[in-house]
Amino acid sequence: MVEAAVFPLEARNVTVRMGAHTALSGINLTLRGTRRVAILGANGAGKSVLLRTLHGLLYPTEGTITWGHSLKRPANQAMVFQHPVMLRRTAIANVRYALECRGIRGSERDDRAADALKVVGLEALANRQARVMSGGEQQRLALARAWALRPRVLFLDEPTSSLDPATAAEIENLVIQIREIGTAIVVTTHILGFARRMADDIVFLHQGRLLERTPADRFFASPQTPEANQYLNGELPWTTYSPRSSAA
C-alpha cells in the first residue's frame, strides 16, 4: 500500500474554537520539504493547538487542513508529546507496538525497534519497564518510537521542557539526527536557544493569530511585528490568556 503524501501540508483559513474561546483564528500556513520549523509565542498563544491541528488530532472549526492536497490524514507522520504516554511494557515493546499499529510485523518490526533504541542510546535499557524510566529516558524512548515509523514529518510539542540542561541537549541532538534522514520537523518550544539552534523557519503566534512566518535568522535578527519584538525582549506577559485557557 502506498501511503498518502504529506506535502505540501497546508492550513487554509483555519480557526479553532473551544467553547467560547478562539484558540486559533484565520491561520494560513504551508509547510514543504524537510525544513525544521519552530512554532513560537507566549504561553496561551495557540502553539500546541496549532501543532495538534496540523497533525490531525484536532479539527478546525472553520477552514481546512490538507496533506498532499488530500483532506485525509496520512499515516506517514508522527507526534511526540511534552509528556509522552508510555505503555505498561518494556521499552522495546513500546516501539514494537507502534510498528505493529502501522502493520509492520515479524523480523522487520524487531530490527527497526532495536535500531531505533540504538539511535537514541537506549539499547541497554531495551527490557526495562518504560514507566519506571526517567523523564529524559522516556522522552528519548518517545523519539525512538516515532523515529521507527520513518515519518515524513515529525511533530514535537515542547520536547525539552522540564528536562535538565544535559538531557535537553541530548534531545536536541536527536532531533537534528532525525532531520538528517530526511524528516521534516515541526516543534513548539518556549526555549529560544533551542529554536535558534534547531530551526530553519519560525512561525510566530500571538493570541491565536499567525503574525510571522520567516527564516529563523531573519526572525531573531529583525522581527517584523511589534509583538514578535516584545516577545524576543521578554516584554510579553507569560500568559496572554487567562490561566484557564486551553490554548497552551
C-alpha atoms as a PDB file:
ATOM      1  CA  MET A   1       0.000   0.000   0.000  1.00  0.00           C
ATOM      2  CA  VAL A   2       1.346   3.423  -0.957  1.00  0.00           C
ATOM      3  CA  GLU A   3       0.916   5.964   1.822  1.00  0.00           C
ATOM      4  CA  ALA A   4      -0.623   9.323   1.059  1.00  0.00           C
ATOM      5  CA  ALA A   5       1.881  12.098   0.530  1.00  0.00           C
ATOM      6  CA  VAL A   6       2.269  14.588   3.358  1.00  0.00           C
ATOM      7  CA  PHE A   7       3.478  17.624   1.458  1.00  0.00           C
ATOM      8  CA  PRO A   8       2.531  20.266   0.900  1.00  0.00           C
ATOM      9  CA  LEU A   9       0.903  20.383   4.336  1.00  0.00           C
ATOM     10  CA  GLU A  10      -1.439  23.342   4.252  1.00  0.00           C
ATOM     11  CA  ALA A  11      -3.655  25.161   6.723  1.00  0.00           C
ATOM     12  CA  ARG A  12      -6.189  27.349   4.948  1.00  0.00           C
ATOM     13  CA  ASN A  13      -8.112  29.951   6.952  1.00  0.00           C
ATOM     14  CA  VAL A  14      -8.047  27.638   9.979  1.00  0.00           C
ATOM     15  CA  THR A  15      -9.971  28.717  13.050  1.00  0.00           C
ATOM     16  CA  VAL A  16     -10.267  26.523  16.144  1.00  0.00           C
ATOM     17  CA  ARG A  17     -12.781  27.364  18.848  1.00  0.00           C
ATOM     18  CA  MET A  18     -13.001  25.690  22.217  1.00  0.00           C
ATOM     19  CA  GLY A  19     -16.301  26.703  23.692  1.00  0.00           C
ATOM     20  CA  ALA A  20     -16.369  30.482  23.830  1.00  0.00           C
ATOM     21  CA  HIS A  21     -12.593  30.712  23.420  1.00  0.00           C
ATOM     22  CA  THR A  22     -10.999  31.119  19.982  1.00  0.00           C
ATOM     23  CA  ALA A  23      -7.677  29.285  20.189  1.00  0.00           C
ATOM     24  CA  LEU A  24      -6.666  29.883  16.552  1.00  0.00           C
ATOM     25  CA  SER A  25      -8.023  32.486  14.157  1.00  0.00           C
ATOM     26  CA  GLY A  26      -7.638  32.529  10.387  1.00  0.00           C
ATOM     27  CA  ILE A  27      -4.353  30.590  10.156  1.00  0.00           C
ATOM     28  CA  ASN A  28      -2.830  30.259   6.691  1.00  0.00           C
ATOM     29  CA  LEU A  29       0.345  28.196   6.612  1.00  0.00           C
ATOM     30  CA  THR A  30       2.128  25.949   4.117  1.00  0.00           C
ATOM     31  CA  LEU A  31       4.893  23.501   5.048  1.00  0.00           C
ATOM     32  CA  ARG A  32       7.080  21.841   2.416  1.00  0.00           C
ATOM     33  CA  GLY A  33      10.197  19.700   2.145  1.00  0.00           C
ATOM     34  CA  THR A  34      12.495  18.814   5.031  1.00  0.00           C
ATOM     35  CA  ARG A  35      12.574  22.155   6.820  1.00  0.00           C
ATOM     36  CA  ARG A  36      12.794  22.398  10.608  1.00  0.00           C
ATOM     37  CA  VAL A  37      10.034  24.717  11.782  1.00  0.00           C
ATOM     38  CA  ALA A  38       9.744  26.133  15.308  1.00  0.00           C
ATOM     39  CA  ILE A  39       6.391  27.476  16.462  1.00  0.00           C
ATOM     40  CA  LEU A  40       6.970  30.286  18.954  1.00  0.00           C
ATOM     41  CA  GLY A  41       4.733  32.515  21.038  1.00  0.00           C
ATOM     42  CA  ALA A  42       3.884  33.352  24.621  1.00  0.00           C
ATOM     43  CA  ASN A  43       2.059  30.818  26.747  1.00  0.00           C
ATOM     44  CA  GLY A  44      -1.539  30.798  25.548  1.00  0.00           C
ATOM     45  CA  ALA A  45      -0.682  31.908  22.008  1.00  0.00           C
ATOM     46  CA  GLY A  46      -2.044  28.679  20.495  1.00  0.00           C
ATOM     47  CA  LYS A  47       1.194  26.794  19.764  1.00  0.00           C
ATOM     48  CA  SER A  48       0.101  23.353  20.910  1.00  0.00           C
ATOM     49  CA  VAL A  49      -3.355  23.796  19.414  1.00  0.00           C
ATOM     50  CA  LEU A  50      -1.799  24.568  16.032  1.00  0.00           C
ATOM     51  CA  LEU A  51       0.543  21.571  16.304  1.00  0.00           C
ATOM     52  CA  ARG A  52      -2.313  19.201  17.137  1.00  0.00           C
ATOM     53  CA  THR A  53      -4.442  20.631  14.365  1.00  0.00           C
ATOM     54  CA  LEU A  54      -1.697  20.211  11.777  1.00  0.00           C
ATOM     55  CA  HIS A  55      -1.154  16.653  12.988  1.00  0.00           C
ATOM     56  CA  GLY A  56      -4.852  15.878  12.785  1.00  0.00           C
ATOM     57  CA  LEU A  57      -5.681  15.373  16.467  1.00  0.00           C
ATOM     58  CA  LEU A  58      -7.869  18.479  16.479  1.00  0.00           C
ATOM     59  CA  TYR A  59     -10.224  19.535  13.717  1.00  0.00           C
ATOM     60  CA  PRO A  60     -10.730  23.100  12.554  1.00  0.00           C
ATOM     61  CA  THR A  61     -13.968  24.807  13.448  1.00  0.00           C
ATOM     62  CA  GLU A  62     -13.523  26.678  10.186  1.00  0.00           C
ATOM     63  CA  GLY A  63     -11.088  26.228   7.315  1.00  0.00           C
ATOM     64  CA  THR A  64      -9.241  23.125   6.158  1.00  0.00           C
ATOM     65  CA  ILE A  65      -6.041  21.156   6.703  1.00  0.00           C
ATOM     66  CA  THR A  66      -4.788  19.292   3.655  1.00  0.00           C
ATOM     67  CA  TRP A  67      -1.952  16.780   3.422  1.00  0.00           C
ATOM     68  CA  GLY A  68      -0.591  16.479  -0.081  1.00  0.00           C
ATOM     69  CA  HIS A  69      -3.805  18.004  -1.441  1.00  0.00           C
ATOM     70  CA  SER A  70      -5.930  15.439   0.419  1.00  0.00           C
ATOM     71  CA  LEU A  71      -8.216  16.008   3.399  1.00  0.00           C
ATOM     72  CA  LYS A  72      -7.333  12.524   4.684  1.00  0.00           C
ATOM     73  CA  ARG A  73      -4.738  12.415   7.432  1.00  0.00           C
ATOM     74  CA  PRO A  74      -1.786  10.307   6.187  1.00  0.00           C
ATOM     75  CA  ALA A  75      -0.080   7.589   8.183  1.00  0.00           C
ATOM     76  CA  ASN A  76       3.464   8.703   7.403  1.00  0.00           C
ATOM     77  CA  GLN A  77       3.703  11.282  10.168  1.00  0.00           C
ATOM     78  CA  ALA A  78       4.223  11.050  13.925  1.00  0.00           C
ATOM     79  CA  MET A  79       3.968  13.177  17.039  1.00  0.00           C
ATOM     80  CA  VAL A  80       5.850  13.262  20.340  1.00  0.00           C
ATOM     81  CA  PHE A  81       4.083  14.944  23.226  1.00  0.00           C
ATOM     82  CA  GLN A  82       5.540  17.056  26.011  1.00  0.00           C
ATOM     83  CA  HIS A  83       4.639  14.304  28.471  1.00  0.00           C
ATOM     84  CA  PRO A  84       4.737  11.090  26.401  1.00  0.00           C
ATOM     85  CA  VAL A  85       2.435   8.244  27.319  1.00  0.00           C
ATOM     86  CA  MET A  86       4.287   5.007  27.987  1.00  0.00           C
ATOM     87  CA  LEU A  87       2.563   1.643  27.751  1.00  0.00           C
ATOM     88  CA  ARG A  88       2.828  -0.836  30.630  1.00  0.00           C
ATOM     89  CA  ARG A  89       5.536  -2.847  28.898  1.00  0.00           C
ATOM     90  CA  THR A  90       9.240  -2.743  28.191  1.00  0.00           C
ATOM     91  CA  ALA A  91      10.975  -0.037  26.205  1.00  0.00           C
ATOM     92  CA  ILE A  92      11.427  -2.190  23.133  1.00  0.00           C
ATOM     93  CA  ALA A  93       7.870  -3.483  23.387  1.00  0.00           C
ATOM     94  CA  ASN A  94       6.638   0.124  23.284  1.00  0.00           C
ATOM     95  CA  VAL A  95       8.445   0.622  19.976  1.00  0.00           C
ATOM     96  CA  ARG A  96       7.286  -2.730  18.601  1.00  0.00           C
ATOM     97  CA  TYR A  97       3.686  -1.894  19.425  1.00  0.00           C
ATOM     98  CA  ALA A  98       3.857   1.369  17.468  1.00  0.00           C
ATOM     99  CA  LEU A  99       5.230  -0.526  14.477  1.00  0.00           C
ATOM    100  CA  GLU A 100       2.554  -3.199  14.758  1.00  0.00           C
ATOM    101  CA  CYS A 101      -0.113  -0.491  14.670  1.00  0.00           C
ATOM    102  CA  ARG A 102       1.330   0.529  11.285  1.00  0.00           C
ATOM    103  CA  GLY A 103       1.153  -3.055  10.045  1.00  0.00           C
ATOM    104  CA  ILE A 104       4.886  -3.798  10.428  1.00  0.00           C
ATOM    105  CA  ARG A 105       5.492  -7.231  11.950  1.00  0.00           C
ATOM    106  CA  GLY A 106       8.000 -10.034  12.148  1.00  0.00           C
ATOM    107  CA  SER A 107      11.725  -9.540  11.714  1.00  0.00           C
ATOM    108  CA  GLU A 108      11.328  -6.096  10.156  1.00  0.00           C
ATOM    109  CA  ARG A 109       9.468  -4.901  13.255  1.00  0.00           C
ATOM    110  CA  ASP A 110      12.105  -6.331  15.581  1.00  0.00           C
ATOM    111  CA  ASP A 111      15.019  -4.932  13.565  1.00  0.00           C
ATOM    112  CA  ARG A 112      13.518  -1.447  13.317  1.00  0.00           C
ATOM    113  CA  ALA A 113      12.674  -1.382  17.028  1.00  0.00           C
ATOM    114  CA  ALA A 114      16.193  -2.402  18.015  1.00  0.00           C
ATOM    115  CA  ASP A 115      17.724   0.106  15.596  1.00  0.00           C
ATOM    116  CA  ALA A 116      15.549   2.926  16.935  1.00  0.00           C
ATOM    117  CA  LEU A 117      16.627   2.239  20.515  1.00  0.00           C
ATOM    118  CA  LYS A 118      20.256   2.219  19.407  1.00  0.00           C
ATOM    119  CA  VAL A 119      19.860   5.589  17.689  1.00  0.00           C
ATOM    120  CA  VAL A 120      18.589   7.209  20.908  1.00  0.00           C
ATOM    121  CA  GLY A 121      21.098   5.402  23.133  1.00  0.00           C
ATOM    122  CA  LEU A 122      18.633   3.155  24.938  1.00  0.00           C
ATOM    123  CA  GLU A 123      19.687  -0.250  23.623  1.00  0.00           C
ATOM    124  CA  ALA A 124      20.985  -1.214  27.082  1.00  0.00           C
ATOM    125  CA  LEU A 125      17.559  -0.433  28.556  1.00  0.00           C
ATOM    126  CA  ALA A 126      15.533  -2.312  25.945  1.00  0.00           C
ATOM    127  CA  ASN A 127      13.985  -4.671  28.521  1.00  0.00           C
ATOM    128  CA  ARG A 128      13.364  -2.076  31.234  1.00  0.00           C
ATOM    129  CA  GLN A 129       9.760  -1.213  32.025  1.00  0.00           C
ATOM    130  CA  ALA A 130       9.075   2.071  30.248  1.00  0.00           C
ATOM    131  CA  ARG A 131       7.057   3.604  33.066  1.00  0.00           C
ATOM    132  CA  VAL A 132       9.902   3.401  35.575  1.00  0.00           C
ATOM    133  CA  MET A 133      12.365   5.169  33.282  1.00  0.00           C
ATOM    134  CA  SER A 134      13.417   8.746  33.991  1.00  0.00           C
ATOM    135  CA  GLY A 135      11.746  11.678  32.264  1.00  0.00           C
ATOM    136  CA  GLY A 136      14.668  12.110  29.887  1.00  0.00           C
ATOM    137  CA  GLU A 137      14.759   8.396  29.092  1.00  0.00           C
ATOM    138  CA  GLN A 138      11.032   8.401  28.401  1.00  0.00           C
ATOM    139  CA  GLN A 139      11.417  11.357  26.032  1.00  0.00           C
ATOM    140  CA  ARG A 140      14.201   9.520  24.198  1.00  0.00           C
ATOM    141  CA  LEU A 141      12.001   6.435  24.031  1.00  0.00           C
ATOM    142  CA  ALA A 142       9.158   8.506  22.619  1.00  0.00           C
ATOM    143  CA  LEU A 143      11.522   9.780  19.927  1.00  0.00           C
ATOM    144  CA  ALA A 144      12.640   6.213  19.195  1.00  0.00           C
ATOM    145  CA  ARG A 145       9.021   5.106  18.905  1.00  0.00           C
ATOM    146  CA  ALA A 146       8.330   7.908  16.444  1.00  0.00           C
ATOM    147  CA  TRP A 147      11.596   7.535  14.514  1.00  0.00           C
ATOM    148  CA  ALA A 148      10.991   3.808  13.977  1.00  0.00           C
ATOM    149  CA  LEU A 149       7.916   4.716  11.923  1.00  0.00           C
ATOM    150  CA  ARG A 150      10.105   6.581   9.399  1.00  0.00           C
ATOM    151  CA  PRO A 151       7.754   9.592   9.284  1.00  0.00           C
ATOM    152  CA  ARG A 152       7.930  12.202   6.550  1.00  0.00           C
ATOM    153  CA  VAL A 153       7.103  14.817   9.175  1.00  0.00           C
ATOM    154  CA  LEU A 154       7.558  14.674  12.950  1.00  0.00           C
ATOM    155  CA  PHE A 155       5.597  16.948  15.276  1.00  0.00           C
ATOM    156  CA  LEU A 156       7.195  17.696  18.652  1.00  0.00           C
ATOM    157  CA  ASP A 157       5.411  19.505  21.485  1.00  0.00           C
ATOM    158  CA  GLU A 158       7.899  21.134  23.894  1.00  0.00           C
ATOM    159  CA  PRO A 159      10.305  18.155  23.700  1.00  0.00           C
ATOM    160  CA  THR A 160      12.899  19.672  26.053  1.00  0.00           C
ATOM    161  CA  SER A 161      10.519  21.157  28.599  1.00  0.00           C
ATOM    162  CA  SER A 162      11.205  20.208  32.233  1.00  0.00           C
ATOM    163  CA  LEU A 163      14.461  18.445  31.339  1.00  0.00           C
ATOM    164  CA  ASP A 164      17.834  19.250  32.864  1.00  0.00           C
ATOM    165  CA  PRO A 165      20.280  21.036  30.512  1.00  0.00           C
ATOM    166  CA  ALA A 166      22.353  17.944  29.713  1.00  0.00           C
ATOM    167  CA  THR A 167      19.291  15.846  28.859  1.00  0.00           C
ATOM    168  CA  ALA A 168      17.756  18.701  26.876  1.00  0.00           C
ATOM    169  CA  ALA A 169      20.963  18.896  24.821  1.00  0.00           C
ATOM    170  CA  GLU A 170      20.726  15.158  24.116  1.00  0.00           C
ATOM    171  CA  ILE A 171      17.147  15.558  22.892  1.00  0.00           C
ATOM    172  CA  GLU A 172      18.186  18.465  20.660  1.00  0.00           C
ATOM    173  CA  ASN A 173      20.911  16.333  19.085  1.00  0.00           C
ATOM    174  CA  LEU A 174      18.451  13.504  18.474  1.00  0.00           C
ATOM    175  CA  VAL A 175      16.011  15.879  16.798  1.00  0.00           C
ATOM    176  CA  ILE A 176      18.759  17.056  14.474  1.00  0.00           C
ATOM    177  CA  GLN A 177      19.726  13.441  13.682  1.00  0.00           C
ATOM    178  CA  ILE A 178      16.128  12.634  12.799  1.00  0.00           C
ATOM    179  CA  ARG A 179      16.014  15.630  10.497  1.00  0.00           C
ATOM    180  CA  GLU A 180      19.206  14.479   8.764  1.00  0.00           C
ATOM    181  CA  ILE A 181      17.498  11.306   7.490  1.00  0.00           C
ATOM    182  CA  GLY A 182      15.040  13.464   5.563  1.00  0.00           C
ATOM    183  CA  THR A 183      12.267  14.001   8.114  1.00  0.00           C
ATOM    184  CA  ALA A 184      10.668  17.419   8.394  1.00  0.00           C
ATOM    185  CA  ILE A 185      10.418  18.692  11.971  1.00  0.00           C
ATOM    186  CA  VAL A 186       7.674  20.921  13.376  1.00  0.00           C
ATOM    187  CA  VAL A 187       8.282  21.781  17.027  1.00  0.00           C
ATOM    188  CA  THR A 188       6.719  24.020  19.639  1.00  0.00           C
ATOM    189  CA  THR A 189       9.078  25.459  22.222  1.00  0.00           C
ATOM    190  CA  HIS A 190       9.413  28.328  24.659  1.00  0.00           C
ATOM    191  CA  ILE A 191      13.205  27.925  24.748  1.00  0.00           C
ATOM    192  CA  LEU A 192      14.592  30.495  22.334  1.00  0.00           C
ATOM    193  CA  GLY A 193      18.088  28.976  22.341  1.00  0.00           C
ATOM    194  CA  PHE A 194      16.660  25.663  21.136  1.00  0.00           C
ATOM    195  CA  ALA A 195      14.737  27.438  18.369  1.00  0.00           C
ATOM    196  CA  ARG A 196      17.856  29.357  17.285  1.00  0.00           C
ATOM    197  CA  ARG A 197      19.967  26.208  17.099  1.00  0.00           C
ATOM    198  CA  MET A 198      17.408  23.901  15.547  1.00  0.00           C
ATOM    199  CA  ALA A 199      15.011  25.817  13.310  1.00  0.00           C
ATOM    200  CA  ASP A 200      15.263  26.797   9.673  1.00  0.00           C
ATOM    201  CA  ASP A 201      11.973  28.702   9.854  1.00  0.00           C
ATOM    202  CA  ILE A 202       9.964  30.381  12.603  1.00  0.00           C
ATOM    203  CA  VAL A 203       6.187  30.537  12.906  1.00  0.00           C
ATOM    204  CA  PHE A 204       5.238  33.186  15.453  1.00  0.00           C
ATOM    205  CA  LEU A 205       1.783  33.165  17.026  1.00  0.00           C
ATOM    206  CA  HIS A 206       0.168  35.838  19.162  1.00  0.00           C
ATOM    207  CA  GLN A 207      -3.285  35.439  20.697  1.00  0.00           C
ATOM    208  CA  GLY A 208      -4.201  32.709  18.237  1.00  0.00           C
ATOM    209  CA  ARG A 209      -3.086  34.586  15.118  1.00  0.00           C
ATOM    210  CA  LEU A 210      -0.120  33.908  12.885  1.00  0.00           C
ATOM    211  CA  LEU A 211       1.881  37.140  12.796  1.00  0.00           C
ATOM    212  CA  GLU A 212       5.155  35.976  11.229  1.00  0.00           C
ATOM    213  CA  ARG A 213       6.489  33.097   9.127  1.00  0.00           C
ATOM    214  CA  THR A 214      10.093  33.781   8.257  1.00  0.00           C
ATOM    215  CA  PRO A 215      13.578  32.208   8.156  1.00  0.00           C
ATOM    216  CA  ALA A 216      14.931  31.798  11.674  1.00  0.00           C
ATOM    217  CA  ASP A 217      17.985  34.007  11.248  1.00  0.00           C
ATOM    218  CA  ARG A 218      15.850  36.861   9.951  1.00  0.00           C
ATOM    219  CA  PHE A 219      13.289  36.463  12.735  1.00  0.00           C
ATOM    220  CA  PHE A 220      15.858  36.665  15.511  1.00  0.00           C
ATOM    221  CA  ALA A 221      17.823  39.483  13.871  1.00  0.00           C
ATOM    222  CA  SER A 222      14.917  41.639  12.756  1.00  0.00           C
ATOM    223  CA  PRO A 223      11.377  40.653  13.771  1.00  0.00           C
ATOM    224  CA  GLN A 224       8.769  42.367  11.611  1.00  0.00           C
ATOM    225  CA  THR A 225       5.993  42.907  14.159  1.00  0.00           C
ATOM    226  CA  PRO A 226       5.940  44.764  17.486  1.00  0.00           C
ATOM    227  CA  GLU A 227       4.579  41.652  19.187  1.00  0.00           C
ATOM    228  CA  ALA A 228       7.482  39.491  17.997  1.00  0.00           C
ATOM    229  CA  ASN A 229       9.958  42.133  19.088  1.00  0.00           C
ATOM    230  CA  GLN A 230       8.350  42.289  22.525  1.00  0.00           C
ATOM    231  CA  TYR A 231       8.380  38.504  22.737  1.00  0.00           C
ATOM    232  CA  LEU A 232      12.088  38.282  21.970  1.00  0.00           C
ATOM    233  CA  ASN A 233      12.804  41.002  24.523  1.00  0.00           C
ATOM    234  CA  GLY A 234      10.791  39.222  27.200  1.00  0.00           C
ATOM    235  CA  GLU A 235       8.223  42.009  27.326  1.00  0.00           C
ATOM    236  CA  LEU A 236       5.102  39.973  26.568  1.00  0.00           C
ATOM    237  CA  PRO A 237       3.255  38.584  29.583  1.00  0.00           C
ATOM    238  CA  TRP A 238       3.950  34.898  30.152  1.00  0.00           C
ATOM    239  CA  THR A 239       0.243  34.149  29.797  1.00  0.00           C
ATOM    240  CA  THR A 240      -1.643  36.036  27.109  1.00  0.00           C
ATOM    241  CA  TYR A 241      -4.947  34.461  28.091  1.00  0.00           C
ATOM    242  CA  SER A 242      -6.409  33.616  31.465  1.00  0.00           C
ATOM    243  CA  PRO A 243      -4.786  30.706  33.364  1.00  0.00           C
ATOM    244  CA  ARG A 244      -7.792  28.607  32.481  1.00  0.00           C
ATOM    245  CA  SER A 245      -7.209  28.965  28.773  1.00  0.00           C
ATOM    246  CA  SER A 246      -6.778  25.637  26.982  1.00  0.00           C
ATOM    247  CA  ALA A 247      -4.623  27.102  24.229  1.00  0.00           C
ATOM    248  CA  ALA A 248      -1.224  26.183  25.668  1.00  0.00           C
END
